[in-house]
Amino acid sequence: MSQRESIAQDFVNVLKRQNAFRLGTVTRDPGINIKDLAATAFPAVVVETGNEARTSITQGGSSAIRESAMEVKITVTLNSNLNADTQRNLLIESIEEILELDPERGGVALDTQLISVTTIDIERPYIAIELVFEVKYLYRKGNS
């Protein structure tokens, strides 16, 4: 499994295992149809890898060590008309705190930081947020 995939899977595992707050669905599948989900599936969370910037740390052709700054996007959708903004704010804070407990993602990464939060306008009663985390890691060329 690539380091990219290991990091993304760690996000999913951490969010599924945590018990500080209730999540319904946690998946890597961005194709889920929110409207088809049961009420118990909310908050619904989709974890996806995103853009990545890579730089060489050492020379050496195929054995060079590179540093990567990869984005991991977490989209959280709630099904609520009550206290929607408050619920969003609590989820943002809770998710950031739980993922910062292990910024090294089990030893695969160097650091994990929340770098942006975006609210997403969708049809009521659904509300959504996108949290983008930057995860830095080192890899040997050919083993990303």
N, C-alpha and C. Protein backbone atom coordinates (compact mmCIF):
# COMPACT_ATOMS: atom_id res chain seq x y z
N MET A 1 0.85 -1.18 0.00
CA MET A 1 0.00 0.00 0.00
C MET A 1 0.90 1.24 0.00
N SER A 2 0.57 2.21 -0.83
CA SER A 2 1.36 3.44 -0.90
C SER A 2 1.19 4.25 0.37
N GLN A 3 2.14 5.15 0.60
CA GLN A 3 2.03 6.02 1.77
C GLN A 3 0.80 6.92 1.66
N ARG A 4 0.50 7.39 0.45
CA ARG A 4 -0.73 8.20 0.24
C ARG A 4 -1.95 7.43 0.73
N GLU A 5 -2.04 6.18 0.31
CA GLU A 5 -3.20 5.36 0.69
C GLU A 5 -3.18 5.06 2.18
N SER A 6 -2.02 4.79 2.75
CA SER A 6 -1.91 4.52 4.20
C SER A 6 -2.39 5.72 5.01
N ILE A 7 -2.01 6.91 4.56
CA ILE A 7 -2.40 8.13 5.26
C ILE A 7 -3.91 8.33 5.18
N ALA A 8 -4.47 8.17 3.98
CA ALA A 8 -5.92 8.33 3.82
C ALA A 8 -6.67 7.30 4.65
N GLN A 9 -6.19 6.05 4.64
CA GLN A 9 -6.86 5.00 5.41
C GLN A 9 -6.75 5.27 6.90
N ASP A 10 -5.64 5.87 7.34
CA ASP A 10 -5.50 6.22 8.76
C ASP A 10 -6.57 7.25 9.16
N PHE A 11 -6.82 8.24 8.30
CA PHE A 11 -7.87 9.21 8.59
C PHE A 11 -9.21 8.50 8.81
N VAL A 12 -9.54 7.57 7.90
CA VAL A 12 -10.80 6.83 8.00
C VAL A 12 -10.84 6.02 9.29
N ASN A 13 -9.77 5.29 9.57
CA ASN A 13 -9.74 4.45 10.77
C ASN A 13 -9.87 5.26 12.05
N VAL A 14 -9.16 6.37 12.12
CA VAL A 14 -9.23 7.22 13.31
C VAL A 14 -10.64 7.75 13.51
N LEU A 15 -11.26 8.23 12.44
CA LEU A 15 -12.61 8.77 12.56
C LEU A 15 -13.63 7.69 12.90
N LYS A 16 -13.46 6.49 12.38
CA LYS A 16 -14.38 5.40 12.70
C LYS A 16 -14.23 4.91 14.14
N ARG A 17 -13.00 4.88 14.64
CA ARG A 17 -12.73 4.34 15.98
C ARG A 17 -12.98 5.32 17.11
N GLN A 18 -12.93 6.61 16.83
CA GLN A 18 -13.05 7.59 17.90
C GLN A 18 -14.45 7.51 18.52
N ASN A 19 -14.53 7.90 19.80
CA ASN A 19 -15.83 7.91 20.46
C ASN A 19 -16.10 9.24 21.16
N ALA A 20 -15.38 10.27 20.76
CA ALA A 20 -15.58 11.60 21.35
C ALA A 20 -16.84 12.26 20.82
N PHE A 21 -17.28 11.90 19.62
CA PHE A 21 -18.48 12.46 19.01
C PHE A 21 -19.05 11.42 18.05
N ARG A 22 -20.33 11.54 17.75
CA ARG A 22 -20.99 10.55 16.91
C ARG A 22 -20.89 10.89 15.44
N LEU A 23 -20.42 9.93 14.66
CA LEU A 23 -20.44 10.03 13.20
C LEU A 23 -21.27 8.87 12.69
N GLY A 24 -21.96 9.09 11.57
CA GLY A 24 -22.74 8.01 10.98
C GLY A 24 -21.88 7.21 10.03
N THR A 25 -21.78 7.66 8.80
CA THR A 25 -21.00 7.01 7.75
C THR A 25 -19.63 7.65 7.65
N VAL A 26 -18.59 6.83 7.55
CA VAL A 26 -17.24 7.31 7.25
C VAL A 26 -16.74 6.45 6.11
N THR A 27 -16.45 7.07 4.97
CA THR A 27 -16.10 6.32 3.77
C THR A 27 -15.06 7.04 2.93
N ARG A 28 -14.43 6.29 2.04
CA ARG A 28 -13.53 6.87 1.04
C ARG A 28 -14.25 7.06 -0.28
N ASP A 29 -15.52 6.70 -0.36
CA ASP A 29 -16.28 6.74 -1.60
C ASP A 29 -16.95 8.08 -1.82
N PRO A 30 -16.40 8.93 -2.71
CA PRO A 30 -17.00 10.24 -2.94
C PRO A 30 -18.30 10.18 -3.74
N GLY A 31 -18.66 8.99 -4.22
CA GLY A 31 -19.84 8.86 -5.05
C GLY A 31 -21.12 8.56 -4.29
N ILE A 32 -21.07 8.59 -2.95
CA ILE A 32 -22.30 8.29 -2.22
C ILE A 32 -23.33 9.38 -2.47
N ASN A 33 -24.58 8.97 -2.55
CA ASN A 33 -25.66 9.92 -2.75
C ASN A 33 -26.26 10.24 -1.39
N ILE A 34 -26.03 11.46 -0.93
CA ILE A 34 -26.46 11.89 0.40
C ILE A 34 -27.97 11.66 0.59
N LYS A 35 -28.74 11.93 -0.43
CA LYS A 35 -30.19 11.81 -0.31
C LYS A 35 -30.65 10.37 -0.12
N ASP A 36 -29.81 9.40 -0.46
CA ASP A 36 -30.17 7.99 -0.31
C ASP A 36 -29.81 7.43 1.07
N LEU A 37 -29.10 8.21 1.88
CA LEU A 37 -28.65 7.72 3.18
C LEU A 37 -29.76 7.79 4.22
N ALA A 38 -29.76 6.84 5.12
CA ALA A 38 -30.69 6.84 6.24
C ALA A 38 -30.32 7.95 7.21
N ALA A 39 -31.25 8.36 8.03
CA ALA A 39 -31.00 9.42 9.01
C ALA A 39 -29.87 9.05 9.95
N THR A 40 -29.71 7.76 10.24
CA THR A 40 -28.65 7.31 11.15
C THR A 40 -27.26 7.38 10.53
N ALA A 41 -27.19 7.62 9.22
CA ALA A 41 -25.89 7.70 8.53
C ALA A 41 -25.26 9.08 8.64
N PHE A 42 -25.94 10.01 9.32
CA PHE A 42 -25.43 11.37 9.46
C PHE A 42 -24.89 11.59 10.86
N PRO A 43 -23.88 12.42 11.00
CA PRO A 43 -23.10 13.08 9.96
C PRO A 43 -22.38 12.06 9.08
N ALA A 44 -22.42 12.32 7.79
CA ALA A 44 -21.76 11.48 6.79
C ALA A 44 -20.42 12.10 6.43
N VAL A 45 -19.38 11.30 6.43
CA VAL A 45 -18.02 11.78 6.22
C VAL A 45 -17.40 11.07 5.02
N VAL A 46 -16.84 11.86 4.10
CA VAL A 46 -16.10 11.31 2.96
C VAL A 46 -14.66 11.80 3.06
N VAL A 47 -13.72 10.88 3.02
CA VAL A 47 -12.29 11.20 3.09
C VAL A 47 -11.68 10.94 1.71
N GLU A 48 -11.01 11.96 1.15
CA GLU A 48 -10.37 11.83 -0.16
C GLU A 48 -8.98 12.45 -0.13
N THR A 49 -8.07 11.85 -0.88
CA THR A 49 -6.77 12.49 -1.05
C THR A 49 -6.92 13.56 -2.13
N GLY A 50 -6.09 14.59 -2.04
CA GLY A 50 -6.19 15.70 -2.98
C GLY A 50 -4.85 16.05 -3.59
N ASN A 51 -4.67 17.32 -3.82
CA ASN A 51 -3.44 17.82 -4.44
C ASN A 51 -2.23 17.48 -3.59
N GLU A 52 -1.09 17.44 -4.26
CA GLU A 52 0.14 17.09 -3.57
C GLU A 52 1.31 17.83 -4.22
N ALA A 53 2.16 18.41 -3.40
CA ALA A 53 3.38 19.05 -3.89
C ALA A 53 4.56 18.21 -3.41
N ARG A 54 5.46 17.91 -4.33
CA ARG A 54 6.61 17.06 -4.01
C ARG A 54 7.91 17.77 -4.34
N THR A 55 8.90 17.60 -3.46
CA THR A 55 10.22 18.17 -3.70
C THR A 55 11.28 17.13 -3.35
N SER A 56 12.40 17.18 -4.06
CA SER A 56 13.51 16.26 -3.79
C SER A 56 14.30 16.76 -2.59
N ILE A 57 14.61 15.84 -1.70
CA ILE A 57 15.43 16.14 -0.52
C ILE A 57 16.87 15.72 -0.79
N THR A 58 17.03 14.59 -1.47
CA THR A 58 18.35 14.10 -1.82
C THR A 58 18.40 13.81 -3.32
N GLN A 59 19.61 13.72 -3.84
CA GLN A 59 19.78 13.31 -5.23
C GLN A 59 19.98 11.81 -5.25
N GLY A 60 19.86 11.22 -6.40
CA GLY A 60 20.13 9.79 -6.46
C GLY A 60 19.23 9.05 -7.41
N GLY A 61 18.61 9.77 -8.33
CA GLY A 61 17.79 9.10 -9.32
C GLY A 61 16.64 8.34 -8.70
N SER A 62 16.59 7.04 -8.96
CA SER A 62 15.46 6.24 -8.50
C SER A 62 15.48 5.99 -7.00
N SER A 63 16.59 6.30 -6.30
CA SER A 63 16.64 6.10 -4.86
C SER A 63 16.58 7.42 -4.08
N ALA A 64 16.25 8.50 -4.77
CA ALA A 64 16.18 9.82 -4.12
C ALA A 64 15.07 9.85 -3.07
N ILE A 65 15.30 10.62 -2.03
CA ILE A 65 14.28 10.82 -1.00
C ILE A 65 13.57 12.13 -1.32
N ARG A 66 12.24 12.05 -1.27
CA ARG A 66 11.43 13.21 -1.60
C ARG A 66 10.51 13.54 -0.42
N GLU A 67 10.14 14.82 -0.34
CA GLU A 67 9.17 15.25 0.66
C GLU A 67 7.88 15.60 -0.06
N SER A 68 6.79 15.22 0.54
CA SER A 68 5.47 15.49 -0.03
C SER A 68 4.63 16.27 0.96
N ALA A 69 3.85 17.21 0.42
CA ALA A 69 2.82 17.91 1.19
C ALA A 69 1.50 17.59 0.49
N MET A 70 0.77 16.64 1.04
CA MET A 70 -0.45 16.13 0.43
C MET A 70 -1.67 16.69 1.15
N GLU A 71 -2.70 17.00 0.37
CA GLU A 71 -3.97 17.41 0.96
C GLU A 71 -4.85 16.19 1.16
N VAL A 72 -5.50 16.14 2.31
CA VAL A 72 -6.54 15.15 2.57
C VAL A 72 -7.80 15.95 2.85
N LYS A 73 -8.84 15.71 2.04
CA LYS A 73 -10.09 16.45 2.15
C LYS A 73 -11.12 15.61 2.88
N ILE A 74 -11.72 16.21 3.88
CA ILE A 74 -12.80 15.55 4.62
C ILE A 74 -14.05 16.38 4.41
N THR A 75 -15.05 15.78 3.78
CA THR A 75 -16.33 16.45 3.59
C THR A 75 -17.31 15.84 4.57
N VAL A 76 -17.91 16.70 5.39
CA VAL A 76 -18.87 16.26 6.39
C VAL A 76 -20.22 16.86 6.04
N THR A 77 -21.23 15.99 5.90
CA THR A 77 -22.58 16.44 5.60
C THR A 77 -23.48 16.09 6.76
N LEU A 78 -24.25 17.10 7.19
CA LEU A 78 -25.23 16.91 8.26
C LEU A 78 -26.62 17.02 7.67
N ASN A 79 -27.56 16.37 8.32
CA ASN A 79 -28.96 16.44 7.94
C ASN A 79 -29.69 17.11 9.09
N SER A 80 -29.76 18.45 9.04
CA SER A 80 -30.33 19.16 10.17
C SER A 80 -30.76 20.57 9.81
N ASN A 81 -31.87 20.97 10.38
CA ASN A 81 -32.30 22.36 10.30
C ASN A 81 -32.13 23.07 11.64
N LEU A 82 -31.83 22.31 12.68
CA LEU A 82 -31.72 22.86 14.02
C LEU A 82 -30.27 23.10 14.40
N ASN A 83 -29.96 24.31 14.79
CA ASN A 83 -28.60 24.65 15.25
C ASN A 83 -27.53 24.19 14.28
N ALA A 84 -27.80 24.31 13.00
CA ALA A 84 -26.90 23.79 11.97
C ALA A 84 -25.50 24.39 12.07
N ASP A 85 -25.41 25.70 12.24
CA ASP A 85 -24.10 26.34 12.31
C ASP A 85 -23.35 25.89 13.56
N THR A 86 -24.04 25.77 14.67
CA THR A 86 -23.41 25.30 15.90
C THR A 86 -22.90 23.87 15.73
N GLN A 87 -23.71 23.02 15.10
CA GLN A 87 -23.29 21.64 14.85
C GLN A 87 -22.04 21.59 13.97
N ARG A 88 -22.02 22.42 12.94
CA ARG A 88 -20.84 22.47 12.07
C ARG A 88 -19.60 22.87 12.86
N ASN A 89 -19.73 23.92 13.66
CA ASN A 89 -18.58 24.41 14.43
C ASN A 89 -18.06 23.36 15.40
N LEU A 90 -18.96 22.65 16.06
CA LEU A 90 -18.54 21.60 16.99
C LEU A 90 -17.83 20.46 16.26
N LEU A 91 -18.33 20.10 15.09
CA LEU A 91 -17.69 19.03 14.32
C LEU A 91 -16.31 19.43 13.82
N ILE A 92 -16.17 20.66 13.36
CA ILE A 92 -14.86 21.14 12.90
C ILE A 92 -13.84 21.02 14.02
N GLU A 93 -14.20 21.54 15.18
CA GLU A 93 -13.28 21.51 16.32
C GLU A 93 -12.98 20.07 16.75
N SER A 94 -14.00 19.24 16.81
CA SER A 94 -13.82 17.85 17.26
C SER A 94 -12.95 17.05 16.29
N ILE A 95 -13.21 17.18 15.00
CA ILE A 95 -12.42 16.44 14.01
C ILE A 95 -10.97 16.89 14.03
N GLU A 96 -10.75 18.20 14.11
CA GLU A 96 -9.37 18.69 14.17
C GLU A 96 -8.65 18.14 15.40
N GLU A 97 -9.31 18.18 16.54
CA GLU A 97 -8.68 17.70 17.78
C GLU A 97 -8.36 16.21 17.72
N ILE A 98 -9.27 15.41 17.21
CA ILE A 98 -9.05 13.96 17.18
C ILE A 98 -7.93 13.61 16.20
N LEU A 99 -7.84 14.31 15.06
CA LEU A 99 -6.79 13.99 14.09
C LEU A 99 -5.43 14.54 14.51
N GLU A 100 -5.41 15.55 15.37
CA GLU A 100 -4.14 16.09 15.85
C GLU A 100 -3.53 15.26 16.98
N LEU A 101 -4.27 14.28 17.49
CA LEU A 101 -3.70 13.42 18.53
C LEU A 101 -2.51 12.62 18.01
N ASP A 102 -2.53 12.29 16.72
CA ASP A 102 -1.41 11.58 16.09
C ASP A 102 -1.07 12.27 14.77
N PRO A 103 -0.34 13.39 14.84
CA PRO A 103 -0.02 14.11 13.60
C PRO A 103 0.89 13.32 12.67
N GLU A 104 1.54 12.27 13.17
CA GLU A 104 2.45 11.46 12.35
C GLU A 104 1.74 10.27 11.71
N ARG A 105 0.41 10.18 11.88
CA ARG A 105 -0.41 9.14 11.25
C ARG A 105 0.20 7.75 11.45
N GLY A 106 0.53 7.44 12.70
CA GLY A 106 1.07 6.11 13.00
C GLY A 106 2.49 5.91 12.53
N GLY A 107 3.24 6.98 12.33
CA GLY A 107 4.63 6.89 11.91
C GLY A 107 4.84 7.00 10.40
N VAL A 108 3.77 7.17 9.64
CA VAL A 108 3.88 7.26 8.18
C VAL A 108 4.16 8.70 7.73
N ALA A 109 3.73 9.68 8.52
CA ALA A 109 3.84 11.09 8.13
C ALA A 109 4.76 11.84 9.08
N LEU A 110 5.12 13.05 8.66
CA LEU A 110 5.91 13.94 9.50
C LEU A 110 5.00 14.86 10.32
N ASP A 111 3.89 15.30 9.71
CA ASP A 111 3.01 16.25 10.39
C ASP A 111 1.65 16.28 9.69
N THR A 112 0.63 16.67 10.46
CA THR A 112 -0.73 16.83 9.94
C THR A 112 -1.28 18.14 10.48
N GLN A 113 -1.75 19.00 9.59
CA GLN A 113 -2.30 20.30 9.99
C GLN A 113 -3.59 20.58 9.23
N LEU A 114 -4.59 21.10 9.94
CA LEU A 114 -5.80 21.59 9.27
C LEU A 114 -5.43 22.93 8.64
N ILE A 115 -5.62 23.04 7.31
CA ILE A 115 -5.21 24.28 6.64
C ILE A 115 -6.39 25.09 6.12
N SER A 116 -7.57 24.47 5.95
CA SER A 116 -8.71 25.28 5.53
C SER A 116 -10.02 24.58 5.87
N VAL A 117 -11.03 25.42 6.07
CA VAL A 117 -12.39 24.96 6.32
C VAL A 117 -13.29 25.76 5.39
N THR A 118 -14.13 25.06 4.64
CA THR A 118 -15.04 25.71 3.71
C THR A 118 -16.44 25.20 3.95
N THR A 119 -17.40 26.12 4.06
CA THR A 119 -18.79 25.69 4.14
C THR A 119 -19.31 25.48 2.73
N ILE A 120 -20.14 24.47 2.57
CA ILE A 120 -20.66 24.11 1.26
C ILE A 120 -22.17 24.28 1.29
N ASP A 121 -22.67 25.07 0.36
CA ASP A 121 -24.11 25.27 0.26
C ASP A 121 -24.73 24.15 -0.55
N ILE A 122 -25.61 23.40 0.10
CA ILE A 122 -26.37 22.37 -0.58
C ILE A 122 -27.83 22.51 -0.14
N GLU A 123 -28.67 21.73 -0.72
CA GLU A 123 -30.10 21.81 -0.47
C GLU A 123 -30.45 21.45 0.97
N ARG A 124 -31.23 22.33 1.61
CA ARG A 124 -31.70 22.05 2.98
C ARG A 124 -32.56 20.81 2.98
N PRO A 125 -32.53 19.99 3.98
CA PRO A 125 -31.98 20.20 5.31
C PRO A 125 -30.51 19.83 5.44
N TYR A 126 -29.82 19.60 4.32
CA TYR A 126 -28.43 19.19 4.37
C TYR A 126 -27.52 20.41 4.45
N ILE A 127 -26.50 20.28 5.27
CA ILE A 127 -25.45 21.29 5.35
C ILE A 127 -24.11 20.55 5.31
N ALA A 128 -23.09 21.19 4.78
CA ALA A 128 -21.82 20.48 4.64
C ALA A 128 -20.65 21.41 4.88
N ILE A 129 -19.54 20.79 5.25
CA ILE A 129 -18.26 21.49 5.40
C ILE A 129 -17.18 20.63 4.76
N GLU A 130 -16.14 21.30 4.28
CA GLU A 130 -14.97 20.59 3.79
C GLU A 130 -13.78 21.05 4.61
N LEU A 131 -13.12 20.10 5.23
CA LEU A 131 -11.90 20.37 5.99
C LEU A 131 -10.74 19.84 5.16
N VAL A 132 -9.73 20.67 4.94
CA VAL A 132 -8.56 20.24 4.18
C VAL A 132 -7.37 20.21 5.14
N PHE A 133 -6.79 19.02 5.24
CA PHE A 133 -5.60 18.83 6.05
C PHE A 133 -4.40 18.70 5.15
N GLU A 134 -3.27 19.28 5.56
CA GLU A 134 -2.02 19.08 4.85
C GLU A 134 -1.22 18.06 5.65
N VAL A 135 -0.80 17.01 4.96
CA VAL A 135 -0.01 15.96 5.59
C VAL A 135 1.34 15.92 4.89
N LYS A 136 2.39 16.11 5.67
CA LYS A 136 3.75 16.05 5.11
C LYS A 136 4.35 14.69 5.43
N TYR A 137 5.01 14.13 4.42
CA TYR A 137 5.68 12.84 4.62
C TYR A 137 6.88 12.73 3.69
N LEU A 138 7.82 11.84 4.05
CA LEU A 138 8.97 11.55 3.22
C LEU A 138 8.78 10.19 2.58
N TYR A 139 9.32 10.04 1.38
CA TYR A 139 9.28 8.74 0.73
C TYR A 139 10.49 8.58 -0.17
N ARG A 140 10.84 7.35 -0.42
CA ARG A 140 11.90 7.05 -1.36
C ARG A 140 11.27 6.95 -2.75
N LYS A 141 11.84 7.61 -3.71
CA LYS A 141 11.29 7.64 -5.07
C LYS A 141 10.97 6.21 -5.52
N GLY A 142 9.78 6.05 -6.06
CA GLY A 142 9.33 4.73 -6.46
C GLY A 142 8.54 4.01 -5.39
N ASN A 143 8.51 4.58 -4.16
CA ASN A 143 7.77 3.99 -3.06
C ASN A 143 6.79 4.97 -2.43
N SER A 144 6.11 5.79 -3.23
CA SER A 144 5.22 6.80 -2.66
C SER A 144 3.91 6.18 -2.25
